[in-house]
Amino acid sequence: MIKSPYEIIEKPIITEKGLDVKERARTLVFRVNPHANKVEIKSAVETVFKVKVESVHTAKFHGKIRRRGRTMGQRADWKKAYVKLQEGQKMPEYAETI
């Protein structure tokens, strides 16, 4: 199934840890589609940001079970991707206003 790069990359994760790893290790952190694999994530980042990717690491997070009174629900499962850029590539600035 061919997916759009904008369907694969949902949003950047802008936290202290995410910005620290961006500055120190040339690594971008994204929330991605849970069904996307590393090859799709790599090609999506290369297409959207016009950079060369060295490696991709992913982590899956299971949604918490939440209660509100008698009713129970569950948050959605999600996936995080750490995308390391090759040496000499310019870092995209998506968190300049923070």
N, C-alpha and C. Protein backbone atom coordinates (compact mmCIF):
# COMPACT_ATOMS: atom_id res chain seq x y z
N MET A 1 0.84 -1.18 0.00
CA MET A 1 0.00 0.00 0.00
C MET A 1 0.89 1.25 0.00
N ILE A 2 0.70 2.12 -0.95
CA ILE A 2 1.48 3.34 -1.04
C ILE A 2 0.81 4.41 -0.20
N LYS A 3 1.61 4.99 0.72
CA LYS A 3 1.09 6.02 1.60
C LYS A 3 1.78 7.33 1.29
N SER A 4 1.08 8.41 1.54
CA SER A 4 1.66 9.74 1.42
C SER A 4 2.65 9.95 2.57
N PRO A 5 3.73 10.70 2.35
CA PRO A 5 4.65 10.99 3.45
C PRO A 5 3.96 11.70 4.61
N TYR A 6 2.93 12.47 4.31
CA TYR A 6 2.21 13.20 5.35
C TYR A 6 1.24 12.30 6.12
N GLU A 7 0.95 11.12 5.61
CA GLU A 7 0.18 10.12 6.35
C GLU A 7 1.10 9.32 7.27
N ILE A 8 2.36 9.19 6.90
CA ILE A 8 3.32 8.43 7.70
C ILE A 8 3.81 9.26 8.88
N ILE A 9 4.24 10.51 8.63
CA ILE A 9 4.71 11.40 9.69
C ILE A 9 3.52 12.18 10.20
N GLU A 10 3.13 11.93 11.45
CA GLU A 10 1.98 12.62 12.01
C GLU A 10 2.35 14.00 12.54
N LYS A 11 3.39 14.07 13.40
CA LYS A 11 3.83 15.36 13.93
C LYS A 11 5.18 15.19 14.61
N PRO A 12 5.95 16.29 14.72
CA PRO A 12 7.21 16.21 15.47
C PRO A 12 6.91 16.20 16.96
N ILE A 13 7.76 15.54 17.72
CA ILE A 13 7.62 15.52 19.17
C ILE A 13 8.58 16.57 19.72
N ILE A 14 8.01 17.63 20.28
CA ILE A 14 8.80 18.76 20.76
C ILE A 14 8.78 18.72 22.29
N THR A 15 9.77 18.06 22.86
CA THR A 15 9.95 17.98 24.31
C THR A 15 11.40 18.34 24.61
N GLU A 16 11.73 18.46 25.89
CA GLU A 16 13.11 18.74 26.25
C GLU A 16 14.04 17.65 25.75
N LYS A 17 13.64 16.40 25.93
CA LYS A 17 14.47 15.28 25.48
C LYS A 17 14.60 15.27 23.95
N GLY A 18 13.50 15.55 23.27
CA GLY A 18 13.53 15.57 21.81
C GLY A 18 14.42 16.67 21.26
N LEU A 19 14.38 17.86 21.86
CA LEU A 19 15.23 18.96 21.41
C LEU A 19 16.69 18.73 21.78
N ASP A 20 16.94 18.08 22.92
CA ASP A 20 18.31 17.78 23.33
C ASP A 20 18.95 16.77 22.38
N VAL A 21 18.23 15.73 22.03
CA VAL A 21 18.77 14.71 21.12
C VAL A 21 18.93 15.30 19.71
N LYS A 22 18.11 16.29 19.37
CA LYS A 22 18.24 16.96 18.08
C LYS A 22 19.53 17.75 18.01
N GLU A 23 19.87 18.47 19.08
CA GLU A 23 21.08 19.28 19.10
C GLU A 23 22.34 18.44 19.22
N ARG A 24 22.32 17.41 20.05
CA ARG A 24 23.54 16.64 20.33
C ARG A 24 23.82 15.55 19.31
N ALA A 25 22.80 14.86 18.83
CA ALA A 25 23.03 13.66 18.02
C ALA A 25 22.48 13.74 16.60
N ARG A 26 22.10 14.96 16.13
CA ARG A 26 21.55 15.12 14.77
C ARG A 26 20.37 14.18 14.54
N THR A 27 19.50 14.07 15.54
CA THR A 27 18.38 13.13 15.47
C THR A 27 17.06 13.88 15.62
N LEU A 28 16.12 13.59 14.75
CA LEU A 28 14.78 14.16 14.81
C LEU A 28 13.83 13.13 15.42
N VAL A 29 12.81 13.61 16.15
CA VAL A 29 11.87 12.71 16.81
C VAL A 29 10.48 13.02 16.28
N PHE A 30 9.78 11.99 15.80
CA PHE A 30 8.44 12.17 15.23
C PHE A 30 7.47 11.15 15.81
N ARG A 31 6.21 11.55 15.87
CA ARG A 31 5.13 10.61 16.08
C ARG A 31 4.71 10.16 14.69
N VAL A 32 4.71 8.84 14.47
CA VAL A 32 4.44 8.31 13.14
C VAL A 32 3.25 7.34 13.17
N ASN A 33 2.80 6.98 12.00
CA ASN A 33 1.71 6.02 11.86
C ASN A 33 2.15 4.69 12.46
N PRO A 34 1.34 4.08 13.33
CA PRO A 34 1.74 2.83 13.97
C PRO A 34 1.99 1.67 13.00
N HIS A 35 1.47 1.75 11.79
CA HIS A 35 1.63 0.67 10.82
C HIS A 35 2.79 0.92 9.86
N ALA A 36 3.47 2.05 9.98
CA ALA A 36 4.58 2.37 9.09
C ALA A 36 5.85 1.64 9.54
N ASN A 37 6.62 1.17 8.55
CA ASN A 37 7.88 0.52 8.89
C ASN A 37 9.04 1.50 8.72
N LYS A 38 10.25 1.06 9.05
CA LYS A 38 11.41 1.95 9.04
C LYS A 38 11.74 2.47 7.64
N VAL A 39 11.56 1.65 6.62
CA VAL A 39 11.86 2.06 5.25
C VAL A 39 10.89 3.17 4.82
N GLU A 40 9.61 3.03 5.15
CA GLU A 40 8.63 4.06 4.81
C GLU A 40 8.91 5.35 5.56
N ILE A 41 9.28 5.25 6.83
CA ILE A 41 9.59 6.44 7.63
C ILE A 41 10.80 7.16 7.05
N LYS A 42 11.83 6.40 6.67
CA LYS A 42 13.04 6.99 6.10
C LYS A 42 12.72 7.74 4.81
N SER A 43 11.97 7.12 3.92
CA SER A 43 11.65 7.78 2.64
C SER A 43 10.74 8.99 2.85
N ALA A 44 9.84 8.94 3.83
CA ALA A 44 8.96 10.07 4.10
C ALA A 44 9.74 11.27 4.62
N VAL A 45 10.69 11.05 5.54
CA VAL A 45 11.49 12.15 6.08
C VAL A 45 12.38 12.73 4.98
N GLU A 46 12.98 11.88 4.15
CA GLU A 46 13.81 12.37 3.06
C GLU A 46 13.00 13.19 2.06
N THR A 47 11.75 12.79 1.80
CA THR A 47 10.91 13.51 0.86
C THR A 47 10.45 14.85 1.43
N VAL A 48 9.98 14.86 2.66
CA VAL A 48 9.40 16.07 3.24
C VAL A 48 10.47 17.11 3.56
N PHE A 49 11.57 16.70 4.18
CA PHE A 49 12.57 17.66 4.65
C PHE A 49 13.77 17.81 3.72
N LYS A 50 13.85 17.04 2.64
CA LYS A 50 14.93 17.12 1.65
C LYS A 50 16.30 16.93 2.31
N VAL A 51 16.44 15.86 3.11
CA VAL A 51 17.70 15.53 3.78
C VAL A 51 18.00 14.05 3.55
N LYS A 52 19.22 13.63 3.87
CA LYS A 52 19.62 12.23 3.79
C LYS A 52 19.59 11.63 5.19
N VAL A 53 18.95 10.47 5.33
CA VAL A 53 18.78 9.83 6.63
C VAL A 53 19.81 8.71 6.77
N GLU A 54 20.46 8.67 7.94
CA GLU A 54 21.44 7.63 8.23
C GLU A 54 20.76 6.39 8.81
N SER A 55 19.90 6.58 9.84
CA SER A 55 19.25 5.43 10.46
C SER A 55 17.92 5.85 11.08
N VAL A 56 17.08 4.85 11.32
CA VAL A 56 15.77 5.06 11.94
C VAL A 56 15.59 4.04 13.05
N HIS A 57 15.21 4.52 14.24
CA HIS A 57 14.88 3.64 15.36
C HIS A 57 13.45 3.95 15.75
N THR A 58 12.68 2.91 16.07
CA THR A 58 11.28 3.11 16.42
C THR A 58 10.98 2.54 17.80
N ALA A 59 9.92 3.07 18.40
CA ALA A 59 9.45 2.59 19.70
C ALA A 59 7.93 2.61 19.67
N LYS A 60 7.30 1.52 20.12
CA LYS A 60 5.84 1.45 20.19
C LYS A 60 5.38 1.70 21.61
N PHE A 61 4.29 2.44 21.75
CA PHE A 61 3.71 2.73 23.05
C PHE A 61 2.26 2.26 23.06
N HIS A 62 1.90 1.50 24.07
CA HIS A 62 0.55 0.99 24.19
C HIS A 62 -0.30 1.99 24.95
N GLY A 63 -1.54 2.16 24.49
CA GLY A 63 -2.44 3.13 25.10
C GLY A 63 -2.85 2.72 26.50
N LYS A 64 -2.93 3.71 27.39
CA LYS A 64 -3.32 3.45 28.76
C LYS A 64 -4.82 3.18 28.86
N ILE A 65 -5.20 2.35 29.80
CA ILE A 65 -6.62 2.15 30.10
C ILE A 65 -7.02 3.25 31.07
N ARG A 66 -8.05 4.00 30.74
CA ARG A 66 -8.49 5.13 31.54
C ARG A 66 -9.92 4.89 31.99
N ARG A 67 -10.22 5.37 33.21
CA ARG A 67 -11.58 5.24 33.74
C ARG A 67 -12.16 6.61 34.00
N ARG A 68 -13.43 6.73 33.79
CA ARG A 68 -14.17 7.94 34.14
C ARG A 68 -15.48 7.47 34.76
N GLY A 69 -15.47 7.37 36.08
CA GLY A 69 -16.63 6.81 36.76
C GLY A 69 -16.70 5.32 36.51
N ARG A 70 -17.86 4.88 36.04
CA ARG A 70 -18.05 3.45 35.76
C ARG A 70 -17.49 3.01 34.42
N THR A 71 -17.40 3.94 33.49
CA THR A 71 -17.01 3.56 32.14
C THR A 71 -15.48 3.50 32.00
N MET A 72 -15.03 2.58 31.19
CA MET A 72 -13.61 2.42 30.92
C MET A 72 -13.36 2.64 29.44
N GLY A 73 -12.21 3.18 29.15
CA GLY A 73 -11.81 3.39 27.77
C GLY A 73 -10.32 3.17 27.65
N GLN A 74 -9.80 3.30 26.46
CA GLN A 74 -8.38 3.11 26.24
C GLN A 74 -7.89 4.15 25.25
N ARG A 75 -6.74 4.75 25.57
CA ARG A 75 -6.10 5.65 24.63
C ARG A 75 -5.54 4.83 23.47
N ALA A 76 -5.34 5.48 22.35
CA ALA A 76 -4.85 4.78 21.17
C ALA A 76 -3.37 4.42 21.33
N ASP A 77 -2.96 3.30 20.74
CA ASP A 77 -1.56 2.94 20.66
C ASP A 77 -0.88 3.89 19.67
N TRP A 78 0.40 4.19 19.91
CA TRP A 78 1.12 5.07 19.01
C TRP A 78 2.57 4.66 18.87
N LYS A 79 3.25 5.26 17.90
CA LYS A 79 4.62 4.87 17.58
C LYS A 79 5.48 6.13 17.44
N LYS A 80 6.70 6.04 17.99
CA LYS A 80 7.66 7.14 17.93
C LYS A 80 8.85 6.70 17.09
N ALA A 81 9.37 7.62 16.28
CA ALA A 81 10.54 7.31 15.44
C ALA A 81 11.65 8.30 15.73
N TYR A 82 12.86 7.78 15.96
CA TYR A 82 14.07 8.58 16.09
C TYR A 82 14.81 8.48 14.75
N VAL A 83 14.93 9.61 14.04
CA VAL A 83 15.53 9.62 12.71
C VAL A 83 16.86 10.36 12.78
N LYS A 84 17.96 9.64 12.55
CA LYS A 84 19.29 10.24 12.60
C LYS A 84 19.70 10.65 11.19
N LEU A 85 20.14 11.91 11.06
CA LEU A 85 20.55 12.42 9.76
C LEU A 85 22.02 12.15 9.51
N GLN A 86 22.39 12.08 8.23
CA GLN A 86 23.78 11.87 7.86
C GLN A 86 24.61 13.11 8.20
N GLU A 87 25.91 12.91 8.33
CA GLU A 87 26.84 14.00 8.63
C GLU A 87 26.79 15.04 7.52
N GLY A 88 26.75 16.31 7.90
CA GLY A 88 26.74 17.40 6.93
C GLY A 88 25.36 17.84 6.47
N GLN A 89 24.31 17.16 6.89
CA GLN A 89 22.96 17.55 6.51
C GLN A 89 22.47 18.67 7.41
N LYS A 90 21.72 19.62 6.83
CA LYS A 90 21.20 20.74 7.60
C LYS A 90 19.98 20.29 8.39
N MET A 91 19.95 20.65 9.68
CA MET A 91 18.82 20.28 10.53
C MET A 91 17.62 21.15 10.21
N PRO A 92 16.45 20.56 9.94
CA PRO A 92 15.25 21.37 9.74
C PRO A 92 14.83 22.00 11.06
N GLU A 93 14.40 23.25 11.02
CA GLU A 93 13.99 23.97 12.22
C GLU A 93 12.48 24.02 12.30
N TYR A 94 11.89 23.11 13.07
CA TYR A 94 10.45 23.12 13.25
C TYR A 94 10.06 23.57 14.64
N ALA A 95 11.03 23.89 15.51
CA ALA A 95 10.71 24.30 16.88
C ALA A 95 11.46 25.57 17.26
N GLU A 96 11.50 26.56 16.36
CA GLU A 96 12.23 27.79 16.61
C GLU A 96 11.53 28.70 17.59
N THR A 97 10.23 28.62 17.70
CA THR A 97 9.48 29.57 18.52
C THR A 97 9.48 29.22 19.99
N ILE A 98 10.05 28.09 20.36
CA ILE A 98 10.04 27.68 21.77
C ILE A 98 11.20 28.32 22.50
